[in-house]
N, C-alpha and C. Protein backbone atom coordinates (compact mmCIF):
# COMPACT_ATOMS: atom_id res chain seq x y z
N MET A 1 1.02 -1.39 0.14
CA MET A 1 0.25 -0.07 0.18
C MET A 1 1.09 0.93 0.14
N PHE A 2 2.32 0.92 0.73
CA PHE A 2 3.10 2.26 0.68
C PHE A 2 3.35 2.25 -0.86
N PHE A 3 3.53 1.60 -1.51
CA PHE A 3 4.22 1.74 -2.75
C PHE A 3 3.44 2.17 -3.44
N LEU A 4 2.29 1.67 -3.90
CA LEU A 4 1.01 2.58 -4.58
C LEU A 4 0.89 3.86 -4.12
N SER A 5 0.64 4.17 -3.15
CA SER A 5 -0.04 5.51 -2.24
C SER A 5 1.64 6.51 -2.42
N ASP A 6 2.64 6.26 -2.24
CA ASP A 6 4.07 6.59 -2.89
C ASP A 6 3.68 7.13 -4.34
N MET A 7 3.40 6.41 -5.37
CA MET A 7 3.60 6.72 -6.40
C MET A 7 2.38 7.56 -6.65
N LEU A 8 1.30 7.58 -6.48
CA LEU A 8 -0.01 8.24 -6.43
C LEU A 8 0.58 9.65 -6.18
N ASN A 9 0.93 9.68 -5.29
CA ASN A 9 1.55 11.42 -4.70
C ASN A 9 2.50 11.39 -5.78
N LYS A 10 3.61 11.02 -6.09
CA LYS A 10 4.24 11.72 -7.36
C LYS A 10 3.61 11.54 -8.69
N LYS A 11 2.59 11.70 -9.17
CA LYS A 11 1.77 11.64 -9.79
C LYS A 11 0.97 12.75 -10.34
N LEU A 12 0.64 13.08 -8.47
CA LEU A 12 -0.22 14.21 -8.26
C LEU A 12 0.24 15.62 -8.08
N ASN A 13 1.44 15.31 -7.21
CA ASN A 13 2.33 16.76 -7.07
C ASN A 13 3.41 16.56 -8.21
N LEU A 14 3.56 17.76 -8.54
CA LEU A 14 4.43 18.57 -9.54
C LEU A 14 6.42 18.53 -8.39
N PRO A 15 7.22 17.95 -9.17
CA PRO A 15 8.61 17.08 -8.46
C PRO A 15 9.18 18.87 -8.17
N LYS A 16 9.97 19.14 -7.35
CA LYS A 16 10.65 19.96 -7.09
C LYS A 16 12.22 20.07 -8.29
N PRO A 17 12.81 20.88 -8.63
CA PRO A 17 14.03 20.90 -9.31
C PRO A 17 14.77 19.57 -9.37
N GLY A 18 14.67 19.70 -7.67
CA GLY A 18 16.58 18.39 -7.39
C GLY A 18 15.77 17.23 -7.71
N GLU A 19 14.49 16.87 -7.43
CA GLU A 19 14.02 15.57 -7.79
C GLU A 19 13.33 15.44 -8.89
N ALA A 20 13.20 16.00 -10.08
CA ALA A 20 12.57 15.04 -11.31
C ALA A 20 13.44 14.97 -11.88
N LEU A 21 13.49 13.57 -13.30
CA LEU A 21 14.11 13.20 -14.07
C LEU A 21 15.07 13.77 -14.50
N PRO A 22 16.51 13.50 -14.86
CA PRO A 22 17.96 14.40 -15.38
C PRO A 22 17.44 14.54 -16.55
N GLY A 23 17.47 13.45 -17.58
CA GLY A 23 16.39 13.55 -19.09
C GLY A 23 17.60 13.47 -19.91
N ARG A 24 17.90 14.24 -20.82
CA ARG A 24 18.97 13.97 -21.80
C ARG A 24 19.68 15.39 -22.74
N ASN A 25 20.61 15.26 -23.39
CA ASN A 25 20.95 16.65 -24.09
C ASN A 25 20.47 16.67 -25.64
N LYS A 26 20.02 15.84 -26.31
CA LYS A 26 19.72 15.82 -27.80
C LYS A 26 18.00 15.92 -27.53
N PRO A 27 17.66 16.28 -27.67
CA PRO A 27 16.58 15.96 -28.88
C PRO A 27 15.78 14.04 -29.39
N ILE A 28 14.94 14.02 -28.58
CA ILE A 28 14.66 12.39 -28.86
C ILE A 28 13.76 12.48 -30.36
N PRO A 29 13.97 11.33 -31.22
CA PRO A 29 13.70 11.50 -32.27
C PRO A 29 11.81 11.54 -32.69
N THR A 30 11.73 12.52 -34.22
CA THR A 30 10.21 13.07 -34.10
C THR A 30 9.73 12.71 -35.22
N ALA A 31 8.63 12.66 -35.67
CA ALA A 31 8.43 13.19 -37.39
C ALA A 31 8.98 14.75 -37.66
N ILE A 32 8.35 14.23 -38.83
CA ILE A 32 9.52 15.51 -39.84
C ILE A 32 8.50 16.06 -40.05
N ARG A 33 7.64 15.84 -40.46
CA ARG A 33 6.33 16.40 -41.39
C ARG A 33 4.92 15.85 -40.60
N HIS A 34 3.84 16.83 -40.54
CA HIS A 34 2.31 16.60 -39.94
C HIS A 34 1.58 15.34 -40.62
N PHE A 35 1.18 14.66 -40.57
CA PHE A 35 0.45 13.35 -40.73
C PHE A 35 -0.37 14.29 -41.96
N VAL A 36 -1.23 14.66 -41.71
CA VAL A 36 -2.50 15.01 -42.04
C VAL A 36 -2.24 16.45 -43.62
N SER A 37 -1.18 17.02 -42.87
CA SER A 37 -0.82 18.40 -43.57
C SER A 37 -0.22 18.36 -44.36
N LYS A 38 1.20 17.67 -43.87
CA LYS A 38 2.38 17.04 -44.82
C LYS A 38 3.05 18.17 -44.91
N ARG A 39 2.56 19.28 -44.00
CA ARG A 39 3.91 20.18 -43.43
C ARG A 39 5.16 20.60 -42.36
N ARG A 40 6.87 20.53 -42.41
CA ARG A 40 7.40 20.42 -41.33
C ARG A 40 6.86 20.92 -40.40
N LEU A 41 7.07 20.09 -39.11
CA LEU A 41 6.65 19.93 -38.11
C LEU A 41 7.49 21.15 -37.16
N LYS A 42 8.64 21.61 -36.61
CA LYS A 42 9.86 22.25 -36.75
C LYS A 42 9.99 23.14 -37.41
N GLY A 43 9.01 23.84 -38.85
CA GLY A 43 9.55 25.17 -39.63
C GLY A 43 10.12 24.60 -40.76
N PRO A 44 10.94 25.38 -41.35
CA PRO A 44 10.91 27.20 -40.94
C PRO A 44 9.06 27.48 -41.01
N TYR A 45 8.30 28.02 -40.30
CA TYR A 45 7.27 28.69 -40.22
C TYR A 45 6.85 30.27 -41.64
N PRO A 46 5.88 30.14 -41.98
CA PRO A 46 5.80 31.06 -43.12
C PRO A 46 5.81 32.13 -42.15
N ASP A 47 6.03 33.84 -42.63
CA ASP A 47 5.51 34.64 -42.02
C ASP A 47 4.22 35.47 -41.51
N GLY A 48 4.42 35.88 -40.81
CA GLY A 48 2.95 36.44 -40.24
C GLY A 48 2.24 35.52 -38.71
N LEU A 49 2.21 33.78 -39.02
CA LEU A 49 1.84 33.26 -38.06
C LEU A 49 2.56 33.59 -36.95
N GLU A 50 1.74 32.56 -36.17
CA GLU A 50 1.97 33.38 -34.65
C GLU A 50 1.69 31.80 -33.96
N THR A 51 2.41 31.44 -32.71
CA THR A 51 2.49 30.02 -32.02
C THR A 51 1.59 30.14 -30.83
N ALA A 52 1.35 29.29 -29.77
CA ALA A 52 0.17 28.72 -29.30
C ALA A 52 0.57 27.88 -28.48
N LEU A 53 0.72 27.85 -27.29
CA LEU A 53 0.73 26.33 -26.89
C LEU A 53 -0.04 26.03 -25.32
N PHE A 54 -1.24 24.79 -25.40
CA PHE A 54 -2.27 24.66 -24.58
C PHE A 54 -1.77 23.45 -24.47
N GLY A 55 -2.46 22.70 -22.91
CA GLY A 55 -2.34 21.63 -22.41
C GLY A 55 -3.63 21.30 -21.05
N LEU A 56 -4.03 20.07 -22.24
CA LEU A 56 -5.82 20.14 -21.92
C LEU A 56 -5.78 18.31 -21.38
N GLY A 57 -5.38 18.04 -20.96
CA GLY A 57 -5.12 16.77 -21.00
C GLY A 57 -4.59 15.42 -21.99
N CYS A 58 -5.21 14.71 -22.36
CA CYS A 58 -4.22 14.21 -22.97
C CYS A 58 -4.27 14.42 -24.81
N PHE A 59 -2.84 14.59 -24.85
CA PHE A 59 -2.55 15.24 -25.83
C PHE A 59 -3.27 14.56 -27.66
N TRP A 60 -3.11 13.65 -27.79
CA TRP A 60 -3.84 12.74 -28.99
C TRP A 60 -5.25 13.54 -29.01
N GLY A 61 -6.44 13.33 -28.53
CA GLY A 61 -7.16 14.55 -28.76
C GLY A 61 -7.81 15.60 -28.87
N ALA A 62 -6.84 16.41 -28.34
CA ALA A 62 -6.39 17.89 -27.99
C ALA A 62 -5.73 18.18 -28.96
N GLU A 63 -4.53 17.38 -30.27
CA GLU A 63 -4.44 18.42 -30.33
C GLU A 63 -5.22 17.73 -32.72
N ARG A 64 -6.23 16.26 -32.43
CA ARG A 64 -6.80 17.07 -33.53
C ARG A 64 -7.80 17.79 -33.53
N MET A 65 -8.30 18.39 -32.23
CA MET A 65 -9.11 19.31 -32.08
C MET A 65 -8.37 20.41 -32.57
N PHE A 66 -8.00 20.91 -32.28
CA PHE A 66 -6.79 22.14 -33.09
C PHE A 66 -6.64 22.39 -34.41
N TRP A 67 -6.03 20.41 -35.11
CA TRP A 67 -5.64 20.96 -36.87
C TRP A 67 -7.36 21.08 -37.69
N GLN A 68 -7.95 20.88 -36.91
CA GLN A 68 -9.28 20.32 -37.46
C GLN A 68 -9.97 21.88 -38.22
N MET A 69 -9.47 22.55 -36.58
CA MET A 69 -9.87 24.38 -36.72
C MET A 69 -9.17 25.02 -38.10
N PRO A 70 -10.56 26.16 -38.67
CA PRO A 70 -9.75 26.74 -40.48
C PRO A 70 -8.53 27.39 -39.10
N GLY A 71 -7.04 28.00 -39.84
CA GLY A 71 -6.57 29.14 -39.82
C GLY A 71 -5.12 28.28 -39.66
N ILE A 72 -5.61 26.60 -38.73
CA ILE A 72 -4.05 26.01 -38.87
C ILE A 72 -3.28 26.09 -39.18
N TRP A 73 -1.82 26.51 -39.09
CA TRP A 73 -0.81 25.71 -40.10
C TRP A 73 -0.39 23.98 -39.71
N VAL A 74 -0.20 24.31 -38.84
CA VAL A 74 0.75 22.86 -38.86
C VAL A 74 0.32 22.86 -36.57
N THR A 75 0.64 21.45 -36.48
CA THR A 75 0.38 21.70 -34.83
C THR A 75 1.45 20.18 -34.83
N ALA A 76 1.62 20.80 -33.63
CA ALA A 76 2.60 19.54 -32.86
C ALA A 76 2.75 19.08 -31.30
N VAL A 77 2.35 17.73 -30.65
CA VAL A 77 2.45 17.65 -29.45
C VAL A 77 3.76 16.67 -28.84
N GLY A 78 3.68 17.31 -27.13
CA GLY A 78 5.15 17.65 -26.88
C GLY A 78 4.98 17.81 -25.24
N TYR A 79 6.03 18.29 -24.49
CA TYR A 79 6.25 18.49 -22.88
C TYR A 79 6.23 19.40 -22.97
N ALA A 80 6.35 20.20 -21.86
CA ALA A 80 6.52 21.71 -21.33
C ALA A 80 5.94 21.94 -20.10
N GLY A 81 6.67 22.84 -19.22
CA GLY A 81 6.47 22.90 -17.76
C GLY A 81 7.03 22.44 -16.78
N GLY A 82 7.91 21.42 -16.69
CA GLY A 82 8.37 20.38 -16.06
C GLY A 82 10.22 21.02 -15.76
N PHE A 83 10.87 19.76 -15.76
CA PHE A 83 11.77 20.52 -15.69
C PHE A 83 13.50 20.09 -15.93
N THR A 84 12.80 18.34 -16.58
CA THR A 84 13.53 17.64 -17.23
C THR A 84 13.60 17.76 -18.99
N SER A 85 15.07 18.19 -19.47
CA SER A 85 15.40 18.00 -20.89
C SER A 85 15.20 17.07 -21.16
N ASN A 86 14.47 16.90 -22.60
CA ASN A 86 13.92 16.31 -23.74
C ASN A 86 13.69 15.07 -23.21
N PRO A 87 12.51 15.12 -22.53
CA PRO A 87 12.06 13.94 -21.74
C PRO A 87 11.35 12.80 -22.91
N THR A 88 10.89 11.81 -22.51
CA THR A 88 9.74 10.42 -23.52
C THR A 88 8.74 10.55 -22.83
N TYR A 89 7.49 10.14 -23.14
CA TYR A 89 6.84 9.79 -23.10
C TYR A 89 6.34 8.92 -21.36
N GLN A 90 6.98 8.07 -21.16
CA GLN A 90 6.71 6.91 -20.54
C GLN A 90 7.90 8.20 -19.12
N GLU A 91 8.57 8.46 -19.41
CA GLU A 91 9.50 9.49 -18.36
C GLU A 91 8.29 10.84 -18.00
N THR A 92 7.53 11.36 -18.53
CA THR A 92 6.72 12.21 -18.13
C THR A 92 5.06 11.46 -17.82
N CYS A 93 5.39 10.50 -18.82
CA CYS A 93 3.68 9.91 -17.65
C CYS A 93 4.29 9.99 -16.18
N THR A 94 5.13 9.69 -15.68
CA THR A 94 5.64 9.15 -14.48
C THR A 94 5.35 9.79 -13.40
N GLY A 95 5.40 11.27 -13.81
CA GLY A 95 4.85 12.04 -13.05
C GLY A 95 6.24 13.17 -12.86
N LEU A 96 7.96 12.72 -13.03
CA LEU A 96 9.13 13.36 -12.03
C LEU A 96 9.45 13.87 -13.16
N THR A 97 8.70 14.22 -14.01
CA THR A 97 9.51 15.08 -15.20
C THR A 97 8.92 16.68 -14.95
N GLY A 98 7.52 16.97 -14.41
CA GLY A 98 7.24 17.82 -14.07
C GLY A 98 6.69 18.41 -15.51
N HIS A 99 6.32 18.03 -16.30
CA HIS A 99 5.98 18.34 -17.76
C HIS A 99 4.33 18.44 -18.05
N ALA A 100 3.87 18.81 -18.27
CA ALA A 100 2.15 18.59 -19.49
C ALA A 100 2.17 17.96 -20.52
N GLU A 101 1.63 17.35 -20.72
CA GLU A 101 1.33 17.06 -22.08
C GLU A 101 1.07 18.33 -22.72
N VAL A 102 1.23 18.31 -24.25
CA VAL A 102 0.47 19.61 -24.79
C VAL A 102 0.43 19.66 -26.33
N VAL A 103 0.04 20.66 -26.87
CA VAL A 103 -0.27 21.08 -27.95
C VAL A 103 0.03 21.98 -28.51
N LEU A 104 1.22 21.72 -29.54
CA LEU A 104 1.96 23.30 -30.11
C LEU A 104 1.24 23.99 -31.87
N VAL A 105 0.46 24.80 -31.54
CA VAL A 105 -0.32 24.59 -32.40
C VAL A 105 0.18 26.72 -33.81
N VAL A 106 0.62 26.19 -34.19
CA VAL A 106 1.14 27.51 -35.42
C VAL A 106 -0.12 27.79 -36.41
N PHE A 107 -0.55 29.18 -35.90
CA PHE A 107 -1.75 30.11 -36.48
C PHE A 107 -1.66 30.90 -37.35
N ASP A 108 -2.73 31.47 -38.37
CA ASP A 108 -2.88 32.52 -39.22
C ASP A 108 -3.67 33.39 -38.55
N PRO A 109 -3.08 34.44 -37.86
CA PRO A 109 -4.08 35.14 -37.37
C PRO A 109 -5.39 36.20 -38.47
N ALA A 110 -4.81 36.22 -39.36
CA ALA A 110 -5.86 36.82 -40.26
C ALA A 110 -7.13 35.96 -40.75
N VAL A 111 -7.07 35.18 -40.01
CA VAL A 111 -8.00 33.96 -39.80
C VAL A 111 -8.72 33.29 -39.51
N VAL A 112 -7.66 33.22 -38.52
CA VAL A 112 -8.36 32.68 -36.97
C VAL A 112 -7.51 33.52 -35.50
N ALA A 113 -8.39 34.42 -34.95
CA ALA A 113 -7.73 35.00 -33.91
C ALA A 113 -7.12 34.42 -32.70
N TYR A 114 -6.08 34.03 -31.60
CA TYR A 114 -6.31 33.44 -30.64
C TYR A 114 -6.75 33.64 -29.60
N ALA A 115 -8.00 34.08 -29.33
CA ALA A 115 -9.50 34.26 -28.83
C ALA A 115 -10.03 32.97 -28.73
N ASP A 116 -9.87 32.92 -30.46
CA ASP A 116 -11.35 31.59 -31.05
C ASP A 116 -10.09 30.14 -30.40
N LEU A 117 -8.89 30.66 -30.05
CA LEU A 117 -8.25 28.82 -29.92
C LEU A 117 -8.27 29.50 -28.57
N LEU A 118 -8.36 30.54 -27.18
CA LEU A 118 -9.09 30.04 -26.73
C LEU A 118 -10.41 30.10 -26.21
N LYS A 119 -11.29 30.24 -26.51
CA LYS A 119 -12.30 29.61 -26.90
C LYS A 119 -12.81 27.70 -26.73
N ALA A 120 -12.09 28.14 -28.23
CA ALA A 120 -11.61 26.25 -28.14
C ALA A 120 -11.21 25.50 -27.22
N PHE A 121 -10.18 26.08 -26.41
CA PHE A 121 -9.39 25.24 -25.12
C PHE A 121 -10.64 25.17 -23.88
N TRP A 122 -10.69 26.51 -23.76
CA TRP A 122 -11.71 26.49 -22.41
C TRP A 122 -12.65 25.59 -23.14
N GLU A 123 -14.21 25.29 -23.67
CA GLU A 123 -14.88 24.44 -23.56
C GLU A 123 -14.53 22.88 -24.41
N ASN A 124 -13.11 22.47 -24.47
CA ASN A 124 -13.00 21.11 -24.59
C ASN A 124 -12.29 20.12 -23.84
N HIS A 125 -12.24 21.06 -22.69
CA HIS A 125 -11.70 19.88 -20.98
C HIS A 125 -12.99 20.75 -20.05
N ASP A 126 -12.20 20.10 -18.98
CA ASP A 126 -12.76 21.25 -17.62
C ASP A 126 -11.41 21.64 -17.13
N PRO A 127 -11.76 22.87 -17.38
CA PRO A 127 -10.68 23.34 -16.47
C PRO A 127 -10.39 23.38 -15.03
N THR A 128 -11.27 22.38 -14.20
CA THR A 128 -11.23 22.67 -12.23
C THR A 128 -10.90 21.50 -11.79
N GLN A 129 -10.26 20.54 -13.16
CA GLN A 129 -9.64 18.81 -11.85
C GLN A 129 -8.73 18.65 -11.91
N GLY A 130 -7.75 20.00 -11.69
CA GLY A 130 -6.29 20.02 -11.86
C GLY A 130 -5.59 19.06 -11.59
N MET A 131 -4.95 17.80 -11.05
CA MET A 131 -3.74 17.23 -11.94
C MET A 131 -4.44 16.17 -12.55
N ARG A 132 -5.38 16.33 -13.52
CA ARG A 132 -6.31 14.93 -14.08
C ARG A 132 -7.14 15.62 -15.19
N GLN A 133 -7.71 14.99 -16.24
CA GLN A 133 -8.47 15.12 -16.90
C GLN A 133 -9.44 13.89 -16.97
N GLY A 134 -10.55 13.24 -16.94
CA GLY A 134 -11.53 12.82 -16.55
C GLY A 134 -10.34 11.47 -15.33
N ASN A 135 -10.35 10.77 -16.51
CA ASN A 135 -9.70 8.88 -15.71
C ASN A 135 -8.22 9.40 -16.39
N ASP A 136 -7.25 10.06 -16.44
CA ASP A 136 -6.70 10.23 -17.22
C ASP A 136 -5.71 11.21 -15.58
N VAL A 137 -5.52 10.85 -14.88
CA VAL A 137 -5.00 11.01 -13.91
C VAL A 137 -3.52 11.17 -13.61
N GLY A 138 -2.61 12.58 -12.99
CA GLY A 138 -1.20 13.07 -12.75
C GLY A 138 -0.58 13.97 -13.81
N THR A 139 -0.02 14.66 -13.18
CA THR A 139 -0.08 16.30 -13.20
C THR A 139 0.20 16.48 -14.66
N ALA A 140 1.07 15.45 -15.69
CA ALA A 140 1.52 15.31 -16.76
C ALA A 140 -0.18 15.71 -17.46
N TYR A 141 -1.68 15.69 -16.89
CA TYR A 141 -2.60 15.81 -17.90
C TYR A 141 -3.57 17.44 -16.62
N ARG A 142 -2.28 18.34 -16.53
CA ARG A 142 -3.06 19.23 -15.47
C ARG A 142 -3.64 20.23 -17.30
N SER A 143 -4.43 21.30 -16.67
CA SER A 143 -4.87 22.08 -18.06
C SER A 143 -3.84 23.56 -17.56
N ALA A 144 -3.06 23.83 -18.67
CA ALA A 144 -2.70 24.70 -19.02
C ALA A 144 -2.73 25.61 -20.29
N VAL A 145 -1.98 26.66 -19.94
CA VAL A 145 -1.74 28.14 -21.34
C VAL A 145 -0.53 28.97 -21.11
N TYR A 146 0.62 28.24 -22.22
CA TYR A 146 1.66 29.14 -21.86
C TYR A 146 1.67 30.26 -22.95
N THR A 147 1.60 31.02 -22.46
CA THR A 147 1.89 32.35 -23.34
C THR A 147 3.24 32.56 -23.95
N PHE A 148 2.43 33.37 -25.84
CA PHE A 148 4.53 33.82 -25.84
C PHE A 148 3.85 35.16 -26.36
N GLY A 149 4.73 36.18 -25.03
CA GLY A 149 4.05 37.71 -24.82
C GLY A 149 2.64 38.19 -24.38
N GLU A 150 3.45 39.43 -24.24
CA GLU A 150 2.21 39.86 -23.27
C GLU A 150 1.25 39.46 -23.66
N ALA A 151 0.01 39.77 -25.26
CA ALA A 151 -0.58 40.24 -25.29
C ALA A 151 -1.33 38.98 -25.41
N GLN A 152 -0.67 37.87 -25.56
CA GLN A 152 -0.98 36.62 -25.20
C GLN A 152 -1.55 36.40 -24.07
N HIS A 153 -0.78 36.57 -22.98
CA HIS A 153 -0.83 36.40 -21.19
C HIS A 153 -2.11 37.34 -20.76
N ALA A 154 -2.00 38.32 -21.85
CA ALA A 154 -3.28 39.51 -20.67
C ALA A 154 -4.87 38.49 -21.38
N ALA A 155 -4.60 37.69 -22.48
CA ALA A 155 -5.41 37.45 -22.96
C ALA A 155 -5.92 36.09 -22.93
N ALA A 156 -5.26 35.16 -22.43
CA ALA A 156 -5.91 34.14 -21.89
C ALA A 156 -6.03 34.24 -19.64
N CYS A 157 -5.76 35.69 -19.29
CA CYS A 157 -5.64 35.97 -18.07
C CYS A 157 -7.50 36.34 -17.98
N ALA A 158 -7.57 36.50 -18.95
CA ALA A 158 -9.30 37.98 -18.98
C ALA A 158 -9.85 35.96 -19.39
N SER A 159 -9.79 35.63 -20.66
CA SER A 159 -10.59 34.51 -20.59
C SER A 159 -10.90 33.51 -19.55
N ARG A 160 -10.12 33.71 -18.57
CA ARG A 160 -9.72 32.85 -17.90
C ARG A 160 -10.86 33.58 -16.79
N ASP A 161 -10.81 34.65 -16.56
CA ASP A 161 -11.35 34.82 -15.60
C ASP A 161 -13.55 34.99 -16.00
N ALA A 162 -13.57 35.66 -17.29
CA ALA A 162 -15.00 35.87 -18.21
C ALA A 162 -14.93 34.08 -18.53
N TYR A 163 -14.62 33.12 -18.42
CA TYR A 163 -15.09 31.87 -17.91
C TYR A 163 -15.22 31.15 -16.60
N GLN A 164 -14.66 31.28 -15.40
CA GLN A 164 -14.98 31.31 -14.20
C GLN A 164 -16.26 32.11 -14.19
N ALA A 165 -16.14 32.87 -14.43
CA ALA A 165 -18.13 33.47 -14.16
C ALA A 165 -18.98 32.56 -14.62
N SER A 166 -18.97 32.22 -15.70
CA SER A 166 -19.71 31.43 -16.51
C SER A 166 -19.82 29.87 -16.08
N LEU A 167 -18.94 29.40 -15.17
CA LEU A 167 -18.67 27.68 -14.76
C LEU A 167 -19.54 28.35 -13.46
N GLY A 168 -19.10 29.45 -12.73
CA GLY A 168 -19.81 29.18 -11.46
C GLY A 168 -21.63 29.58 -10.90
N GLU A 169 -21.98 29.92 -12.70
CA GLU A 169 -23.33 30.45 -12.33
C GLU A 169 -23.45 28.73 -12.88
N ALA A 170 -23.13 28.23 -13.52
CA ALA A 170 -23.38 27.08 -13.75
C ALA A 170 -22.76 25.92 -13.07
N GLY A 171 -22.38 26.51 -11.50
CA GLY A 171 -22.28 25.45 -10.61
C GLY A 171 -20.94 24.78 -10.25
N ARG A 172 -19.94 25.15 -11.30
CA ARG A 172 -18.96 24.21 -10.85
C ARG A 172 -17.99 25.28 -10.22
N GLY A 173 -16.59 24.19 -10.28
CA GLY A 173 -15.63 24.34 -9.50
C GLY A 173 -14.40 25.96 -9.92
N LYS A 174 -13.46 25.73 -9.54
CA LYS A 174 -12.44 27.11 -9.59
C LYS A 174 -11.96 26.43 -10.55
N ILE A 175 -11.16 27.24 -11.37
CA ILE A 175 -10.60 27.08 -12.56
C ILE A 175 -9.01 26.62 -11.99
N THR A 176 -8.60 25.57 -12.45
CA THR A 176 -6.79 25.49 -11.72
C THR A 176 -5.97 25.41 -12.77
N THR A 177 -6.81 26.38 -14.08
CA THR A 177 -5.87 26.25 -15.21
C THR A 177 -4.43 26.51 -15.69
N GLU A 178 -2.88 26.64 -15.80
CA GLU A 178 -1.89 27.00 -15.20
C GLU A 178 -1.89 28.03 -16.37
N ILE A 179 -1.32 29.27 -15.96
CA ILE A 179 -1.07 30.49 -17.06
C ILE A 179 0.53 30.61 -16.54
N GLU A 180 1.60 30.44 -18.15
CA GLU A 180 2.16 31.12 -17.93
C GLU A 180 3.17 31.66 -19.23
N PRO A 181 4.54 32.22 -18.78
CA PRO A 181 5.39 32.21 -20.23
C PRO A 181 5.44 31.13 -20.44
N ALA A 182 5.66 31.20 -22.29
CA ALA A 182 5.75 29.56 -22.37
C ALA A 182 7.52 29.42 -22.35
N PRO A 183 7.49 27.77 -21.32
CA PRO A 183 8.73 27.92 -21.23
C PRO A 183 9.04 26.33 -22.69
N ALA A 184 10.76 25.91 -22.55
CA ALA A 184 11.04 24.94 -23.58
C ALA A 184 9.91 23.82 -23.47
N PHE A 185 10.01 24.05 -25.34
CA PHE A 185 8.56 23.00 -26.08
C PHE A 185 9.30 21.67 -26.17
N TYR A 186 9.00 20.62 -25.63
CA TYR A 186 9.86 19.22 -26.56
C TYR A 186 9.07 18.77 -27.69
N PHE A 187 9.31 17.57 -28.54
CA PHE A 187 8.38 17.08 -29.30
C PHE A 187 8.34 15.86 -29.04
N ALA A 188 7.40 15.48 -28.80
CA ALA A 188 7.19 14.37 -28.22
C ALA A 188 7.25 12.81 -29.49
N GLU A 189 7.78 11.72 -29.65
CA GLU A 189 8.13 11.26 -30.32
C GLU A 189 7.17 10.56 -31.87
N ALA A 190 8.06 10.20 -32.13
CA ALA A 190 7.19 10.17 -33.87
C ALA A 190 5.59 9.65 -33.75
N ASP A 191 5.23 8.22 -32.89
CA ASP A 191 4.35 7.87 -32.86
C ASP A 191 3.15 8.52 -31.81
N HIS A 192 3.31 9.76 -31.53
CA HIS A 192 2.55 10.50 -30.77
C HIS A 192 1.86 11.05 -31.74
N GLN A 193 2.79 11.89 -33.06
CA GLN A 193 2.42 13.00 -33.49
C GLN A 193 1.64 12.89 -34.41
N GLN A 194 -0.09 13.13 -34.56
CA GLN A 194 -0.91 13.17 -34.89
C GLN A 194 -1.64 12.29 -34.85
N TYR A 195 -1.42 11.34 -33.37
CA TYR A 195 -2.67 9.86 -33.01
C TYR A 195 -3.66 9.38 -33.73
N LEU A 196 -4.23 10.47 -33.65
CA LEU A 196 -5.98 9.96 -34.17
C LEU A 196 -5.78 10.11 -35.56
N ALA A 197 -5.37 10.73 -36.23
CA ALA A 197 -5.15 10.65 -37.50
C ALA A 197 -4.38 8.98 -38.38
N LYS A 198 -4.20 8.49 -37.58
CA LYS A 198 -2.97 7.22 -37.88
C LYS A 198 -3.96 6.60 -37.53
N ASN A 199 -4.65 6.42 -35.93
CA ASN A 199 -4.84 5.24 -35.47
C ASN A 199 -6.92 6.39 -35.26
N PRO A 200 -7.44 6.21 -35.92
CA PRO A 200 -9.19 7.18 -35.90
C PRO A 200 -10.04 6.67 -34.63
N TYR A 201 -9.92 5.36 -34.61
CA TYR A 201 -10.71 4.98 -33.55
C TYR A 201 -9.60 5.10 -31.93
N GLY A 202 -8.88 4.89 -32.17
CA GLY A 202 -7.65 5.59 -30.44
C GLY A 202 -8.86 6.31 -29.14
N TYR A 203 -7.67 6.16 -28.87
CA TYR A 203 -8.44 6.79 -27.09
C TYR A 203 -8.10 8.06 -27.33
N CYS A 204 -9.77 8.64 -27.20
CA CYS A 204 -9.61 9.87 -27.11
C CYS A 204 -10.31 10.13 -25.78
N ASN A 205 -10.15 11.00 -24.87
CA ASN A 205 -10.46 11.74 -23.67
C ASN A 205 -11.00 12.88 -23.10
N LEU A 206 -11.25 13.24 -24.16
CA LEU A 206 -11.66 14.81 -24.92
C LEU A 206 -13.01 15.69 -24.45
N ARG A 207 -13.00 15.98 -23.37
CA ARG A 207 -14.52 15.78 -22.75
C ARG A 207 -14.51 17.43 -22.04
N GLY A 208 -15.62 18.76 -22.28
CA GLY A 208 -15.81 19.74 -21.95
C GLY A 208 -16.51 19.72 -21.17
N THR A 209 -16.88 20.74 -20.65
CA THR A 209 -17.98 20.32 -19.31
C THR A 209 -19.36 21.26 -20.04
N GLY A 210 -19.82 21.33 -21.01
CA GLY A 210 -20.95 21.99 -21.98
C GLY A 210 -21.65 23.13 -21.36
N VAL A 211 -20.48 24.01 -20.71
CA VAL A 211 -20.49 25.48 -20.48
C VAL A 211 -19.74 26.13 -21.47
N SER A 212 -21.01 27.16 -22.38
CA SER A 212 -20.28 27.92 -23.32
C SER A 212 -18.74 28.99 -22.44
N CYS A 213 -18.04 29.15 -23.41
CA CYS A 213 -16.68 30.59 -22.98
C CYS A 213 -17.46 31.35 -23.60
N PRO A 214 -17.70 32.54 -22.77
CA PRO A 214 -18.05 34.17 -23.88
C PRO A 214 -16.68 35.03 -23.18
N ILE A 215 -16.09 35.16 -24.06
CA ILE A 215 -14.38 35.63 -24.75
C ILE A 215 -14.88 37.39 -24.87
N PRO A 216 -13.93 38.00 -23.11
CA PRO A 216 -14.15 39.51 -23.51
C PRO A 216 -13.52 40.30 -24.81
N PRO A 217 -14.74 41.28 -24.54
CA PRO A 217 -14.39 41.85 -26.19
C PRO A 217 -12.56 42.39 -26.55
N ALA A 218 -12.42 42.60 -25.04
CA ALA A 218 -10.68 42.86 -25.09
C ALA A 218 -9.86 42.01 -25.99
N VAL A 219 -9.95 40.84 -25.39
CA VAL A 219 -9.70 39.68 -26.16
C VAL A 219 -9.83 39.38 -26.88
N SER A 220 -11.35 39.51 -28.30
CA SER A 220 -11.28 39.64 -29.08
C SER A 220 -10.75 40.22 -30.14
N ALA A 221 -10.65 41.65 -29.54
CA ALA A 221 -9.47 42.71 -30.42
C ALA A 221 -7.87 42.18 -30.07
N ALA A 222 -7.44 41.44 -29.63
CA ALA A 222 -6.25 40.78 -28.87
C ALA A 222 -5.55 40.78 -30.59
């Protein structure tokens, strides 16, 4: 029982820097091109595009949700928000890297606004669950928005506050989403990239609350 309790604590509590797995100096191998769009995962990306980074549970379903939106140039799954350099999927799942499973979204702001991405983010998972999403339990499945620049950060915080008001009216709990400047992003292994395009009947735990997210005018204009 002690072993099971110890393992659960490690999955539900973020490690301190000195407790995290050491990782490695070289990036782990990944795919070169997006399985659906055939565009290069790591770029170079065309001028004028912007980047966003979201964690909303298991990254398989989350990535599919984003790549299906108009205005998305390319998506990729990976790990961010922890301490271990160039982690593997297995390492991240232990909770000992500190990373969350995340989706990198490269988008054309002339077609899809960052506010639209935030709305999709909030409405397609439950941001009140802490270190889990449904049956997926652990720090790797926490809700997170990692922002690029002050405008994204302000928009993310404003949208969180607006959604919290709607969730409160619906009798839901407090949002636990981590909103921080974007840390290092590590691409996941090739078999995880666009997983549900390769495995259409594969596991997808993407579930929203059923509560609509109103985007404040200031966020829509950002």
